[in-house]
């Protein structure tokens, strides 16, 4: 069923609440950004998914470090999205 119409506004609202409570660069935003990116990726809207994954990746890299598992997960998701967008050079870099 088409429950995406309900989930996207709720995720965006949660993101705004977390941004206000913890700041726009907090690592607590990563799960919401990844979840929102996954929803957009499932819907085939890869450009919106890419934006969420890139933001989550930037936060994970700066706050948790480049060797963290969260950073690796966001890189993998970003690589998969770039592969689906036929941006193979970008996907290769992120999968590496």
PDB file of N, CA and C in Angstrom:
ATOM      1  N   UNK A   1       0.826  -1.172   0.000  1.00  0.00           N
ATOM      2  CA  UNK A   1       0.000   0.000   0.000  1.00  0.00           C
ATOM      3  C   UNK A   1       0.877   1.244   0.000  1.00  0.00           C
ATOM      4  N   UNK A   2       0.262   2.337  -0.327  1.00  0.00           N
ATOM      5  CA  UNK A   2       1.002   3.580  -0.498  1.00  0.00           C
ATOM      6  C   UNK A   2       1.110   4.342   0.819  1.00  0.00           C
ATOM      7  N   UNK A   3       1.956   3.852   1.722  1.00  0.00           N
ATOM      8  CA  UNK A   3       2.116   4.518   3.008  1.00  0.00           C
ATOM      9  C   UNK A   3       3.265   5.517   2.988  1.00  0.00           C
ATOM     10  N   UNK A   4       3.945   5.631   1.857  1.00  0.00           N
ATOM     11  CA  UNK A   4       5.062   6.558   1.725  1.00  0.00           C
ATOM     12  C   UNK A   4       4.598   7.997   1.926  1.00  0.00           C
ATOM     13  N   UNK A   5       3.401   8.296   1.484  1.00  0.00           N
ATOM     14  CA  UNK A   5       2.880   9.659   1.617  1.00  0.00           C
ATOM     15  C   UNK A   5       2.792  10.088   3.077  1.00  0.00           C
ATOM     16  N   UNK A   6       2.619   9.141   3.976  1.00  0.00           N
ATOM     17  CA  UNK A   6       2.562   9.455   5.402  1.00  0.00           C
ATOM     18  C   UNK A   6       3.944   9.501   6.039  1.00  0.00           C
ATOM     19  N   UNK A   7       4.840   8.643   5.593  1.00  0.00           N
ATOM     20  CA  UNK A   7       6.134   8.511   6.274  1.00  0.00           C
ATOM     21  C   UNK A   7       7.099   9.654   5.971  1.00  0.00           C
ATOM     22  N   UNK A   8       7.110  10.147   4.766  1.00  0.00           N
ATOM     23  CA  UNK A   8       8.060  11.199   4.406  1.00  0.00           C
ATOM     24  C   UNK A   8       7.845  12.467   5.248  1.00  0.00           C
ATOM     25  N   UNK A   9       6.611  12.976   5.365  1.00  0.00           N
ATOM     26  CA  UNK A   9       6.428  14.159   6.212  1.00  0.00           C
ATOM     27  C   UNK A   9       6.808  13.910   7.680  1.00  0.00           C
ATOM     28  N   UNK A  10       6.537  12.710   8.177  1.00  0.00           N
ATOM     29  CA  UNK A  10       6.891  12.401   9.563  1.00  0.00           C
ATOM     30  C   UNK A  10       8.408  12.365   9.760  1.00  0.00           C
ATOM     31  N   UNK A  11       9.131  11.801   8.799  1.00  0.00           N
ATOM     32  CA  UNK A  11      10.591  11.785   8.873  1.00  0.00           C
ATOM     33  C   UNK A  11      11.159  13.202   8.796  1.00  0.00           C
ATOM     34  N   UNK A  12      10.603  14.013   7.913  1.00  0.00           N
ATOM     35  CA  UNK A  12      11.074  15.400   7.795  1.00  0.00           C
ATOM     36  C   UNK A  12      10.814  16.178   9.078  1.00  0.00           C
ATOM     37  N   UNK A  13       9.666  15.931   9.690  1.00  0.00           N
ATOM     38  CA  UNK A  13       9.345  16.597  10.945  1.00  0.00           C
ATOM     39  C   UNK A  13      10.306  16.147  12.050  1.00  0.00           C
ATOM     40  N   UNK A  14      10.572  14.855  12.113  1.00  0.00           N
ATOM     41  CA  UNK A  14      11.516  14.330  13.102  1.00  0.00           C
ATOM     42  C   UNK A  14      12.905  14.920  12.888  1.00  0.00           C
ATOM     43  N   UNK A  15      13.299  15.066  11.630  1.00  0.00           N
ATOM     44  CA  UNK A  15      14.600  15.645  11.318  1.00  0.00           C
ATOM     45  C   UNK A  15      14.684  17.084  11.831  1.00  0.00           C
ATOM     46  N   UNK A  16      13.630  17.869  11.615  1.00  0.00           N
ATOM     47  CA  UNK A  16      13.626  19.253  12.096  1.00  0.00           C
ATOM     48  C   UNK A  16      13.673  19.323  13.617  1.00  0.00           C
ATOM     49  N   UNK A  17      12.958  18.426  14.281  1.00  0.00           N
ATOM     50  CA  UNK A  17      12.965  18.400  15.748  1.00  0.00           C
ATOM     51  C   UNK A  17      14.361  18.057  16.256  1.00  0.00           C
ATOM     52  N   UNK A  18      15.002  17.063  15.649  1.00  0.00           N
ATOM     53  CA  UNK A  18      16.344  16.669  16.061  1.00  0.00           C
ATOM     54  C   UNK A  18      17.366  17.762  15.765  1.00  0.00           C
ATOM     55  N   UNK A  19      17.207  18.434  14.617  1.00  0.00           N
ATOM     56  CA  UNK A  19      18.115  19.539  14.292  1.00  0.00           C
ATOM     57  C   UNK A  19      18.013  20.648  15.332  1.00  0.00           C
ATOM     58  N   UNK A  20      16.797  20.935  15.733  1.00  0.00           N
ATOM     59  CA  UNK A  20      16.581  21.990  16.726  1.00  0.00           C
ATOM     60  C   UNK A  20      17.129  21.581  18.095  1.00  0.00           C
ATOM     61  N   UNK A  21      16.965  20.319  18.450  1.00  0.00           N
ATOM     62  CA  UNK A  21      17.391  19.842  19.762  1.00  0.00           C
ATOM     63  C   UNK A  21      18.896  19.612  19.856  1.00  0.00           C
ATOM     64  N   UNK A  22      19.508  19.050  18.799  1.00  0.00           N
ATOM     65  CA  UNK A  22      20.905  18.630  18.872  1.00  0.00           C
ATOM     66  C   UNK A  22      21.848  19.412  17.961  1.00  0.00           C
ATOM     67  N   UNK A  23      21.324  20.186  17.041  1.00  0.00           N
ATOM     68  CA  UNK A  23      22.152  20.909  16.087  1.00  0.00           C
ATOM     69  C   UNK A  23      22.139  20.235  14.729  1.00  0.00           C
ATOM     70  N   UNK A  24      22.461  21.010  13.704  1.00  0.00           N
ATOM     71  CA  UNK A  24      22.370  20.519  12.326  1.00  0.00           C
ATOM     72  C   UNK A  24      23.482  19.548  11.938  1.00  0.00           C
ATOM     73  N   UNK A  25      24.511  19.435  12.743  1.00  0.00           N
ATOM     74  CA  UNK A  25      25.627  18.540  12.428  1.00  0.00           C
ATOM     75  C   UNK A  25      25.808  17.446  13.481  1.00  0.00           C
ATOM     76  N   UNK A  26      24.760  17.119  14.211  1.00  0.00           N
ATOM     77  CA  UNK A  26      24.839  16.103  15.247  1.00  0.00           C
ATOM     78  C   UNK A  26      24.797  14.697  14.648  1.00  0.00           C
ATOM     79  N   UNK A  27      25.510  13.792  15.267  1.00  0.00           N
ATOM     80  CA  UNK A  27      25.495  12.397  14.800  1.00  0.00           C
ATOM     81  C   UNK A  27      24.144  11.737  15.074  1.00  0.00           C
ATOM     82  N   UNK A  28      23.319  12.334  15.898  1.00  0.00           N
ATOM     83  CA  UNK A  28      21.988  11.795  16.174  1.00  0.00           C
ATOM     84  C   UNK A  28      21.050  11.939  14.972  1.00  0.00           C
ATOM     85  N   UNK A  29      21.434  12.746  13.989  1.00  0.00           N
ATOM     86  CA  UNK A  29      20.621  12.923  12.783  1.00  0.00           C
ATOM     87  C   UNK A  29      20.824  11.796  11.775  1.00  0.00           C
ATOM     88  N   UNK A  30      21.924  11.075  11.890  1.00  0.00           N
ATOM     89  CA  UNK A  30      22.297  10.080  10.878  1.00  0.00           C
ATOM     90  C   UNK A  30      21.210   9.029  10.657  1.00  0.00           C
ATOM     91  N   UNK A  31      20.650   8.396  11.703  1.00  0.00           N
ATOM     92  CA  UNK A  31      19.610   7.380  11.435  1.00  0.00           C
ATOM     93  C   UNK A  31      18.394   7.927  10.692  1.00  0.00           C
ATOM     94  N   UNK A  32      17.994   9.145  11.000  1.00  0.00           N
ATOM     95  CA  UNK A  32      16.836   9.730  10.316  1.00  0.00           C
ATOM     96  C   UNK A  32      17.174  10.010   8.857  1.00  0.00           C
ATOM     97  N   UNK A  33      18.373  10.556   8.607  1.00  0.00           N
ATOM     98  CA  UNK A  33      18.784  10.843   7.230  1.00  0.00           C
ATOM     99  C   UNK A  33      18.890   9.557   6.409  1.00  0.00           C
ATOM    100  N   UNK A  34      19.448   8.515   7.007  1.00  0.00           N
ATOM    101  CA  UNK A  34      19.581   7.235   6.301  1.00  0.00           C
ATOM    102  C   UNK A  34      18.202   6.641   6.017  1.00  0.00           C
ATOM    103  N   UNK A  35      17.320   6.705   6.983  1.00  0.00           N
ATOM    104  CA  UNK A  35      15.970   6.187   6.792  1.00  0.00           C
ATOM    105  C   UNK A  35      15.229   6.943   5.702  1.00  0.00           C
ATOM    106  N   UNK A  36      15.347   8.254   5.711  1.00  0.00           N
ATOM    107  CA  UNK A  36      14.712   9.074   4.679  1.00  0.00           C
ATOM    108  C   UNK A  36      15.316   8.784   3.310  1.00  0.00           C
ATOM    109  N   UNK A  37      16.636   8.639   3.257  1.00  0.00           N
ATOM    110  CA  UNK A  37      17.288   8.281   2.003  1.00  0.00           C
ATOM    111  C   UNK A  37      16.838   6.932   1.480  1.00  0.00           C
ATOM    112  N   UNK A  38      16.648   5.972   2.377  1.00  0.00           N
ATOM    113  CA  UNK A  38      16.191   4.637   1.993  1.00  0.00           C
ATOM    114  C   UNK A  38      14.784   4.690   1.410  1.00  0.00           C
ATOM    115  N   UNK A  39      13.933   5.513   1.990  1.00  0.00           N
ATOM    116  CA  UNK A  39      12.571   5.667   1.462  1.00  0.00           C
ATOM    117  C   UNK A  39      12.621   6.235   0.048  1.00  0.00           C
ATOM    118  N   UNK A  40      13.403   7.305  -0.141  1.00  0.00           N
ATOM    119  CA  UNK A  40      13.515   7.904  -1.477  1.00  0.00           C
ATOM    120  C   UNK A  40      14.147   6.930  -2.472  1.00  0.00           C
ATOM    121  N   UNK A  41      15.139   6.182  -2.021  1.00  0.00           N
ATOM    122  CA  UNK A  41      15.779   5.209  -2.914  1.00  0.00           C
ATOM    123  C   UNK A  41      14.782   4.130  -3.334  1.00  0.00           C
ATOM    124  N   UNK A  42      13.977   3.672  -2.393  1.00  0.00           N
ATOM    125  CA  UNK A  42      12.959   2.669  -2.713  1.00  0.00           C
ATOM    126  C   UNK A  42      11.910   3.181  -3.676  1.00  0.00           C
ATOM    127  N   UNK A  43      11.654   4.470  -3.620  1.00  0.00           N
ATOM    128  CA  UNK A  43      10.684   5.088  -4.525  1.00  0.00           C
ATOM    129  C   UNK A  43      11.290   5.401  -5.891  1.00  0.00           C
ATOM    130  N   UNK A  44      12.620   5.257  -6.008  1.00  0.00           N
ATOM    131  CA  UNK A  44      13.280   5.541  -7.282  1.00  0.00           C
ATOM    132  C   UNK A  44      13.702   6.983  -7.443  1.00  0.00           C
ATOM    133  N   UNK A  45      13.591   7.781  -6.402  1.00  0.00           N
ATOM    134  CA  UNK A  45      14.006   9.178  -6.439  1.00  0.00           C
ATOM    135  C   UNK A  45      15.446   9.261  -5.920  1.00  0.00           C
ATOM    136  N   UNK A  46      16.385   8.907  -6.792  1.00  0.00           N
ATOM    137  CA  UNK A  46      17.775   8.748  -6.381  1.00  0.00           C
ATOM    138  C   UNK A  46      18.472  10.067  -6.064  1.00  0.00           C
ATOM    139  N   UNK A  47      18.049  11.156  -6.677  1.00  0.00           N
ATOM    140  CA  UNK A  47      18.691  12.436  -6.381  1.00  0.00           C
ATOM    141  C   UNK A  47      18.371  12.894  -4.954  1.00  0.00           C
ATOM    142  N   UNK A  48      17.147  12.682  -4.501  1.00  0.00           N
ATOM    143  CA  UNK A  48      16.799  13.031  -3.125  1.00  0.00           C
ATOM    144  C   UNK A  48      17.484  12.081  -2.141  1.00  0.00           C
ATOM    145  N   UNK A  49      17.552  10.808  -2.500  1.00  0.00           N
ATOM    146  CA  UNK A  49      18.247   9.840  -1.650  1.00  0.00           C
ATOM    147  C   UNK A  49      19.725  10.201  -1.532  1.00  0.00           C
ATOM    148  N   UNK A  50      20.310  10.603  -2.651  1.00  0.00           N
ATOM    149  CA  UNK A  50      21.726  10.993  -2.661  1.00  0.00           C
ATOM    150  C   UNK A  50      21.988  12.145  -1.704  1.00  0.00           C
ATOM    151  N   UNK A  51      21.126  13.146  -1.696  1.00  0.00           N
ATOM    152  CA  UNK A  51      21.303  14.300  -0.805  1.00  0.00           C
ATOM    153  C   UNK A  51      21.298  13.872   0.656  1.00  0.00           C
ATOM    154  N   UNK A  52      20.353  12.996   1.017  1.00  0.00           N
ATOM    155  CA  UNK A  52      20.266  12.558   2.421  1.00  0.00           C
ATOM    156  C   UNK A  52      21.470  11.710   2.800  1.00  0.00           C
ATOM    157  N   UNK A  53      21.862  10.792   1.912  1.00  0.00           N
ATOM    158  CA  UNK A  53      23.017   9.946   2.198  1.00  0.00           C
ATOM    159  C   UNK A  53      24.307  10.766   2.275  1.00  0.00           C
ATOM    160  N   UNK A  54      24.451  11.759   1.407  1.00  0.00           N
ATOM    161  CA  UNK A  54      25.659  12.587   1.434  1.00  0.00           C
ATOM    162  C   UNK A  54      25.752  13.375   2.730  1.00  0.00           C
ATOM    163  N   UNK A  55      24.631  13.894   3.178  1.00  0.00           N
ATOM    164  CA  UNK A  55      24.645  14.637   4.445  1.00  0.00           C
ATOM    165  C   UNK A  55      24.977  13.699   5.607  1.00  0.00           C
ATOM    166  N   UNK A  56      24.354  12.518   5.618  1.00  0.00           N
ATOM    167  CA  UNK A  56      24.645  11.545   6.671  1.00  0.00           C
ATOM    168  C   UNK A  56      26.116  11.126   6.621  1.00  0.00           C
ATOM    169  N   UNK A  57      26.659  10.962   5.430  1.00  0.00           N
ATOM    170  CA  UNK A  57      28.056  10.572   5.268  1.00  0.00           C
ATOM    171  C   UNK A  57      28.998  11.665   5.762  1.00  0.00           C
ATOM    172  N   UNK A  58      28.675  12.899   5.445  1.00  0.00           N
ATOM    173  CA  UNK A  58      29.506  14.016   5.896  1.00  0.00           C
ATOM    174  C   UNK A  58      29.527  14.104   7.424  1.00  0.00           C
ATOM    175  N   UNK A  59      28.364  13.950   8.029  1.00  0.00           N
ATOM    176  CA  UNK A  59      28.280  13.997   9.491  1.00  0.00           C
ATOM    177  C   UNK A  59      29.018  12.813  10.108  1.00  0.00           C
ATOM    178  N   UNK A  60      28.814  11.631   9.551  1.00  0.00           N
ATOM    179  CA  UNK A  60      29.473  10.434  10.093  1.00  0.00           C
ATOM    180  C   UNK A  60      30.979  10.547   9.994  1.00  0.00           C
ATOM    181  N   UNK A  61      31.463  11.053   8.883  1.00  0.00           N
ATOM    182  CA  UNK A  61      32.904  11.192   8.692  1.00  0.00           C
ATOM    183  C   UNK A  61      33.505  12.189   9.668  1.00  0.00           C
ATOM    184  N   UNK A  62      32.824  13.312   9.873  1.00  0.00           N
ATOM    185  CA  UNK A  62      33.390  14.354  10.737  1.00  0.00           C
ATOM    186  C   UNK A  62      33.198  14.058  12.222  1.00  0.00           C
ATOM    187  N   UNK A  63      32.053  13.513  12.602  1.00  0.00           N
ATOM    188  CA  UNK A  63      31.756  13.301  14.027  1.00  0.00           C
ATOM    189  C   UNK A  63      32.227  11.944  14.548  1.00  0.00           C
ATOM    190  N   UNK A  64      32.136  10.910  13.719  1.00  0.00           N
ATOM    191  CA  UNK A  64      32.460   9.559  14.180  1.00  0.00           C
ATOM    192  C   UNK A  64      33.797   9.055  13.656  1.00  0.00           C
ATOM    193  N   UNK A  65      34.337   9.733  12.663  1.00  0.00           N
ATOM    194  CA  UNK A  65      35.636   9.359  12.109  1.00  0.00           C
ATOM    195  C   UNK A  65      35.509   8.578  10.820  1.00  0.00           C
ATOM    196  N   UNK A  66      36.539   8.665   9.978  1.00  0.00           N
ATOM    197  CA  UNK A  66      36.493   8.001   8.673  1.00  0.00           C
ATOM    198  C   UNK A  66      36.575   6.475   8.746  1.00  0.00           C
ATOM    199  N   UNK A  67      36.915   5.930   9.900  1.00  0.00           N
ATOM    200  CA  UNK A  67      37.019   4.472  10.037  1.00  0.00           C
ATOM    201  C   UNK A  67      35.826   3.867  10.768  1.00  0.00           C
ATOM    202  N   UNK A  68      34.778   4.649  11.008  1.00  0.00           N
ATOM    203  CA  UNK A  68      33.626   4.137  11.737  1.00  0.00           C
ATOM    204  C   UNK A  68      32.741   3.271  10.832  1.00  0.00           C
ATOM    205  N   UNK A  69      32.022   2.364  11.440  1.00  0.00           N
ATOM    206  CA  UNK A  69      31.108   1.505  10.684  1.00  0.00           C
ATOM    207  C   UNK A  69      29.945   2.301  10.104  1.00  0.00           C
ATOM    208  N   UNK A  70      29.530   3.333  10.800  1.00  0.00           N
ATOM    209  CA  UNK A  70      28.432   4.174  10.305  1.00  0.00           C
ATOM    210  C   UNK A  70      28.868   4.883   9.023  1.00  0.00           C
ATOM    211  N   UNK A  71      30.105   5.367   9.006  1.00  0.00           N
ATOM    212  CA  UNK A  71      30.629   6.011   7.798  1.00  0.00           C
ATOM    213  C   UNK A  71      30.696   5.003   6.650  1.00  0.00           C
ATOM    214  N   UNK A  72      31.133   3.786   6.946  1.00  0.00           N
ATOM    215  CA  UNK A  72      31.195   2.752   5.906  1.00  0.00           C
ATOM    216  C   UNK A  72      29.802   2.443   5.369  1.00  0.00           C
ATOM    217  N   UNK A  73      28.813   2.383   6.253  1.00  0.00           N
ATOM    218  CA  UNK A  73      27.442   2.107   5.823  1.00  0.00           C
ATOM    219  C   UNK A  73      26.909   3.217   4.925  1.00  0.00           C
ATOM    220  N   UNK A  74      27.151   4.471   5.309  1.00  0.00           N
ATOM    221  CA  UNK A  74      26.661   5.576   4.479  1.00  0.00           C
ATOM    222  C   UNK A  74      27.388   5.612   3.137  1.00  0.00           C
ATOM    223  N   UNK A  75      28.670   5.270   3.118  1.00  0.00           N
ATOM    224  CA  UNK A  75      29.407   5.191   1.854  1.00  0.00           C
ATOM    225  C   UNK A  75      28.816   4.109   0.951  1.00  0.00           C
ATOM    226  N   UNK A  76      28.483   2.968   1.540  1.00  0.00           N
ATOM    227  CA  UNK A  76      27.903   1.872   0.766  1.00  0.00           C
ATOM    228  C   UNK A  76      26.552   2.276   0.167  1.00  0.00           C
ATOM    229  N   UNK A  77      25.718   2.913   0.979  1.00  0.00           N
ATOM    230  CA  UNK A  77      24.407   3.355   0.493  1.00  0.00           C
ATOM    231  C   UNK A  77      24.551   4.412  -0.596  1.00  0.00           C
ATOM    232  N   UNK A  78      25.491   5.307  -0.419  1.00  0.00           N
ATOM    233  CA  UNK A  78      25.745   6.331  -1.422  1.00  0.00           C
ATOM    234  C   UNK A  78      26.265   5.707  -2.708  1.00  0.00           C
ATOM    235  N   UNK A  79      27.141   4.728  -2.581  1.00  0.00           N
ATOM    236  CA  UNK A  79      27.650   4.021  -3.759  1.00  0.00           C
ATOM    237  C   UNK A  79      26.552   3.299  -4.512  1.00  0.00           C
ATOM    238  N   UNK A  80      25.660   2.655  -3.778  1.00  0.00           N
ATOM    239  CA  UNK A  80      24.542   1.949  -4.420  1.00  0.00           C
ATOM    240  C   UNK A  80      23.635   2.933  -5.158  1.00  0.00           C
ATOM    241  N   UNK A  81      23.384   4.078  -4.546  1.00  0.00           N
ATOM    242  CA  UNK A  81      22.549   5.099  -5.189  1.00  0.00           C
ATOM    243  C   UNK A  81      23.223   5.630  -6.444  1.00  0.00           C
ATOM    244  N   UNK A  82      24.522   5.904  -6.371  1.00  0.00           N
ATOM    245  CA  UNK A  82      25.236   6.386  -7.557  1.00  0.00           C
ATOM    246  C   UNK A  82      25.265   5.328  -8.648  1.00  0.00           C
ATOM    247  N   UNK A  83      25.371   4.063  -8.280  1.00  0.00           N
ATOM    248  CA  UNK A  83      25.333   2.989  -9.273  1.00  0.00           C
ATOM    249  C   UNK A  83      23.985   2.983  -9.986  1.00  0.00           C
ATOM    250  N   UNK A  84      22.909   3.140  -9.224  1.00  0.00           N
ATOM    251  CA  UNK A  84      21.570   3.154  -9.824  1.00  0.00           C
ATOM    252  C   UNK A  84      21.352   4.394 -10.687  1.00  0.00           C
ATOM    253  N   UNK A  85      22.107   5.466 -10.392  1.00  0.00           N
ATOM    254  CA  UNK A  85      22.018   6.684 -11.196  1.00  0.00           C
ATOM    255  C   UNK A  85      22.967   6.610 -12.397  1.00  0.00           C
ATOM    256  N   UNK A  86      23.610   5.492 -12.587  1.00  0.00           N
ATOM    257  CA  UNK A  86      24.631   5.224 -13.620  1.00  0.00           C
ATOM    258  C   UNK A  86      25.821   6.165 -13.514  1.00  0.00           C
ATOM    259  N   UNK A  87      26.155   6.561 -12.303  1.00  0.00           N
ATOM    260  CA  UNK A  87      27.365   7.347 -12.046  1.00  0.00           C
ATOM    261  C   UNK A  87      28.412   6.387 -11.485  1.00  0.00           C
ATOM    262  N   UNK A  88      28.936   5.562 -12.381  1.00  0.00           N
ATOM    263  CA  UNK A  88      29.777   4.441 -11.985  1.00  0.00           C
ATOM    264  C   UNK A  88      31.105   4.876 -11.370  1.00  0.00           C
ATOM    265  N   UNK A  89      31.653   5.959 -11.827  1.00  0.00           N
ATOM    266  CA  UNK A  89      32.923   6.442 -11.273  1.00  0.00           C
ATOM    267  C   UNK A  89      32.761   6.845  -9.801  1.00  0.00           C
ATOM    268  N   UNK A  90      31.656   7.531  -9.503  1.00  0.00           N
ATOM    269  CA  UNK A  90      31.371   7.900  -8.115  1.00  0.00           C
ATOM    270  C   UNK A  90      31.101   6.659  -7.266  1.00  0.00           C
ATOM    271  N   UNK A  91      30.330   5.734  -7.825  1.00  0.00           N
ATOM    272  CA  UNK A  91      30.006   4.504  -7.091  1.00  0.00           C
ATOM    273  C   UNK A  91      31.268   3.715  -6.790  1.00  0.00           C
ATOM    274  N   UNK A  92      32.172   3.644  -7.742  1.00  0.00           N
ATOM    275  CA  UNK A  92      33.428   2.911  -7.544  1.00  0.00           C
ATOM    276  C   UNK A  92      34.221   3.528  -6.394  1.00  0.00           C
ATOM    277  N   UNK A  93      34.282   4.841  -6.327  1.00  0.00           N
ATOM    278  CA  UNK A  93      35.017   5.517  -5.267  1.00  0.00           C
ATOM    279  C   UNK A  93      34.395   5.229  -3.899  1.00  0.00           C
ATOM    280  N   UNK A  94      33.071   5.247  -3.818  1.00  0.00           N
ATOM    281  CA  UNK A  94      32.412   5.021  -2.528  1.00  0.00           C
ATOM    282  C   UNK A  94      32.457   3.556  -2.104  1.00  0.00           C
ATOM    283  N   UNK A  95      32.377   2.654  -3.053  1.00  0.00           N
ATOM    284  CA  UNK A  95      32.493   1.236  -2.699  1.00  0.00           C
ATOM    285  C   UNK A  95      33.900   0.892  -2.249  1.00  0.00           C
ATOM    286  N   UNK A  96      34.888   1.603  -2.785  1.00  0.00           N
ATOM    287  CA  UNK A  96      36.277   1.333  -2.405  1.00  0.00           C
ATOM    288  C   UNK A  96      36.486   1.637  -0.943  1.00  0.00           C
TER     289      UNK A  96
END
